[in-house]
Amino acid sequence: MEIAKLVLKLTGSSSEIRFHPLPTDDPKVRRPDISQARALLKWEPQVSLEDALNRTITYFRKTLSP
């Protein structure tokens, strides 16, 4: 919900957030764990979630514009 609200804010959209039943095989809990990437690859995220969303929004606006 937090990400959906942030996308609406960043895009200036007035879209409504809707909830639908999950598919039966959908994972009920998503908690990505990057500890292995940190330990094995010495990797750390370099971009904040908001910045990444802004970049993605900009890309799709350019790509999908007529």
N, C-alpha and C. Protein backbone atom coordinates (compact mmCIF):
# COMPACT_ATOMS: atom_id res chain seq x y z
N MET A 1 0.82 -1.18 0.00
CA MET A 1 0.00 0.00 0.00
C MET A 1 0.87 1.26 0.00
N GLU A 2 1.96 1.20 0.76
CA GLU A 2 2.87 2.34 0.85
C GLU A 2 3.46 2.67 -0.53
N ILE A 3 3.86 1.65 -1.26
CA ILE A 3 4.44 1.88 -2.59
C ILE A 3 3.38 2.38 -3.55
N ALA A 4 2.18 1.82 -3.49
CA ALA A 4 1.10 2.27 -4.38
C ALA A 4 0.79 3.74 -4.13
N LYS A 5 0.72 4.14 -2.89
CA LYS A 5 0.45 5.55 -2.56
C LYS A 5 1.58 6.45 -3.04
N LEU A 6 2.82 5.99 -2.92
CA LEU A 6 3.96 6.77 -3.37
C LEU A 6 3.93 6.93 -4.89
N VAL A 7 3.58 5.88 -5.62
CA VAL A 7 3.47 5.96 -7.08
C VAL A 7 2.40 6.98 -7.47
N LEU A 8 1.26 6.94 -6.80
CA LEU A 8 0.21 7.92 -7.10
C LEU A 8 0.71 9.34 -6.86
N LYS A 9 1.40 9.53 -5.77
CA LYS A 9 1.93 10.87 -5.43
C LYS A 9 2.93 11.33 -6.49
N LEU A 10 3.88 10.47 -6.84
CA LEU A 10 4.95 10.85 -7.76
C LEU A 10 4.44 11.07 -9.18
N THR A 11 3.39 10.38 -9.56
CA THR A 11 2.85 10.53 -10.91
C THR A 11 1.78 11.61 -10.98
N GLY A 12 1.29 12.05 -9.82
CA GLY A 12 0.21 13.03 -9.81
C GLY A 12 -1.11 12.41 -10.24
N SER A 13 -1.20 11.10 -10.12
CA SER A 13 -2.39 10.39 -10.57
C SER A 13 -3.52 10.51 -9.55
N SER A 14 -4.73 10.51 -10.08
CA SER A 14 -5.91 10.50 -9.20
C SER A 14 -6.56 9.11 -9.23
N SER A 15 -5.81 8.13 -9.72
CA SER A 15 -6.32 6.75 -9.79
C SER A 15 -6.69 6.24 -8.41
N GLU A 16 -7.61 5.32 -8.40
CA GLU A 16 -8.06 4.68 -7.18
C GLU A 16 -7.28 3.38 -6.99
N ILE A 17 -6.84 3.12 -5.76
CA ILE A 17 -6.18 1.86 -5.45
C ILE A 17 -7.28 0.83 -5.21
N ARG A 18 -7.21 -0.27 -5.95
CA ARG A 18 -8.22 -1.33 -5.82
C ARG A 18 -7.56 -2.60 -5.32
N PHE A 19 -8.33 -3.36 -4.60
CA PHE A 19 -7.86 -4.63 -4.07
C PHE A 19 -8.63 -5.76 -4.75
N HIS A 20 -7.90 -6.77 -5.19
CA HIS A 20 -8.49 -7.94 -5.83
C HIS A 20 -7.99 -9.19 -5.11
N PRO A 21 -8.74 -10.28 -5.20
CA PRO A 21 -8.27 -11.52 -4.57
C PRO A 21 -6.94 -11.95 -5.19
N LEU A 22 -6.07 -12.49 -4.35
CA LEU A 22 -4.78 -12.96 -4.83
C LEU A 22 -4.94 -14.30 -5.53
N PRO A 23 -4.10 -14.59 -6.50
CA PRO A 23 -4.10 -15.93 -7.09
C PRO A 23 -3.74 -16.95 -6.01
N THR A 24 -4.18 -18.16 -6.16
CA THR A 24 -3.95 -19.18 -5.12
C THR A 24 -2.47 -19.47 -4.90
N ASP A 25 -1.63 -19.31 -5.93
CA ASP A 25 -0.21 -19.60 -5.78
C ASP A 25 0.63 -18.36 -5.44
N ASP A 26 -0.02 -17.25 -5.13
CA ASP A 26 0.70 -16.03 -4.81
C ASP A 26 1.29 -16.11 -3.41
N PRO A 27 2.59 -15.72 -3.25
CA PRO A 27 3.16 -15.73 -1.90
C PRO A 27 2.41 -14.74 -1.01
N LYS A 28 2.13 -15.14 0.20
CA LYS A 28 1.35 -14.30 1.12
C LYS A 28 2.20 -13.21 1.76
N VAL A 29 3.49 -13.47 1.88
CA VAL A 29 4.38 -12.50 2.51
C VAL A 29 5.59 -12.31 1.59
N ARG A 30 5.88 -11.07 1.31
CA ARG A 30 7.07 -10.77 0.49
C ARG A 30 8.01 -9.94 1.35
N ARG A 31 9.12 -10.50 1.62
CA ARG A 31 10.14 -9.78 2.38
C ARG A 31 11.49 -10.05 1.75
N PRO A 32 11.77 -9.36 0.66
CA PRO A 32 13.06 -9.59 0.00
C PRO A 32 14.21 -9.39 0.98
N ASP A 33 15.17 -10.30 0.91
CA ASP A 33 16.31 -10.27 1.81
C ASP A 33 17.58 -10.16 0.97
N ILE A 34 18.28 -9.04 1.10
CA ILE A 34 19.49 -8.84 0.31
C ILE A 34 20.76 -9.16 1.11
N SER A 35 20.59 -9.85 2.23
CA SER A 35 21.76 -10.14 3.06
C SER A 35 22.80 -10.99 2.33
N GLN A 36 22.37 -11.93 1.49
CA GLN A 36 23.33 -12.74 0.73
C GLN A 36 24.08 -11.87 -0.28
N ALA A 37 23.37 -10.97 -0.94
CA ALA A 37 24.03 -10.07 -1.89
C ALA A 37 25.05 -9.20 -1.16
N ARG A 38 24.68 -8.75 0.02
CA ARG A 38 25.62 -7.94 0.81
C ARG A 38 26.85 -8.76 1.19
N ALA A 39 26.61 -9.98 1.68
CA ALA A 39 27.70 -10.82 2.17
C ALA A 39 28.58 -11.34 1.04
N LEU A 40 27.98 -11.88 -0.01
CA LEU A 40 28.75 -12.53 -1.07
C LEU A 40 29.29 -11.57 -2.11
N LEU A 41 28.51 -10.55 -2.42
CA LEU A 41 28.89 -9.65 -3.50
C LEU A 41 29.35 -8.27 -3.02
N LYS A 42 29.22 -8.06 -1.71
CA LYS A 42 29.53 -6.74 -1.14
C LYS A 42 28.67 -5.66 -1.80
N TRP A 43 27.40 -6.00 -2.08
CA TRP A 43 26.49 -5.11 -2.79
C TRP A 43 25.59 -4.37 -1.83
N GLU A 44 25.38 -3.12 -2.09
CA GLU A 44 24.44 -2.28 -1.34
C GLU A 44 23.61 -1.49 -2.33
N PRO A 45 22.33 -1.26 -2.05
CA PRO A 45 21.52 -0.41 -2.93
C PRO A 45 22.13 0.99 -3.01
N GLN A 46 22.13 1.56 -4.20
CA GLN A 46 22.71 2.88 -4.40
C GLN A 46 21.66 3.96 -4.64
N VAL A 47 20.41 3.54 -4.81
CA VAL A 47 19.33 4.45 -5.17
C VAL A 47 18.18 4.25 -4.18
N SER A 48 17.61 5.33 -3.71
CA SER A 48 16.46 5.22 -2.80
C SER A 48 15.24 4.75 -3.57
N LEU A 49 14.26 4.24 -2.88
CA LEU A 49 13.02 3.78 -3.51
C LEU A 49 12.37 4.93 -4.28
N GLU A 50 12.28 6.09 -3.67
CA GLU A 50 11.63 7.22 -4.33
C GLU A 50 12.38 7.64 -5.60
N ASP A 51 13.70 7.65 -5.53
CA ASP A 51 14.49 8.01 -6.71
C ASP A 51 14.31 6.95 -7.80
N ALA A 52 14.32 5.70 -7.43
CA ALA A 52 14.14 4.62 -8.40
C ALA A 52 12.77 4.72 -9.07
N LEU A 53 11.74 5.01 -8.30
CA LEU A 53 10.40 5.17 -8.87
C LEU A 53 10.35 6.38 -9.80
N ASN A 54 10.98 7.47 -9.40
CA ASN A 54 11.02 8.65 -10.28
C ASN A 54 11.71 8.34 -11.60
N ARG A 55 12.81 7.61 -11.55
CA ARG A 55 13.51 7.22 -12.77
C ARG A 55 12.64 6.33 -13.65
N THR A 56 11.94 5.39 -13.02
CA THR A 56 11.07 4.49 -13.76
C THR A 56 9.91 5.25 -14.40
N ILE A 57 9.32 6.15 -13.66
CA ILE A 57 8.21 6.96 -14.17
C ILE A 57 8.68 7.80 -15.36
N THR A 58 9.84 8.43 -15.22
CA THR A 58 10.40 9.23 -16.31
C THR A 58 10.63 8.36 -17.55
N TYR A 59 11.20 7.19 -17.37
CA TYR A 59 11.45 6.28 -18.48
C TYR A 59 10.16 5.94 -19.21
N PHE A 60 9.14 5.54 -18.46
CA PHE A 60 7.89 5.13 -19.11
C PHE A 60 7.16 6.32 -19.74
N ARG A 61 7.26 7.47 -19.16
CA ARG A 61 6.65 8.65 -19.78
C ARG A 61 7.31 8.93 -21.13
N LYS A 62 8.63 8.81 -21.20
CA LYS A 62 9.34 9.04 -22.46
C LYS A 62 9.03 7.92 -23.46
N THR A 63 9.03 6.69 -22.98
CA THR A 63 8.86 5.53 -23.86
C THR A 63 7.45 5.44 -24.41
N LEU A 64 6.47 5.78 -23.60
CA LEU A 64 5.07 5.60 -24.00
C LEU A 64 4.44 6.85 -24.61
N SER A 65 5.18 7.94 -24.63
CA SER A 65 4.65 9.17 -25.21
C SER A 65 4.53 9.02 -26.72
N PRO A 66 3.42 9.56 -27.28
CA PRO A 66 3.24 9.46 -28.73
C PRO A 66 4.23 10.32 -29.50
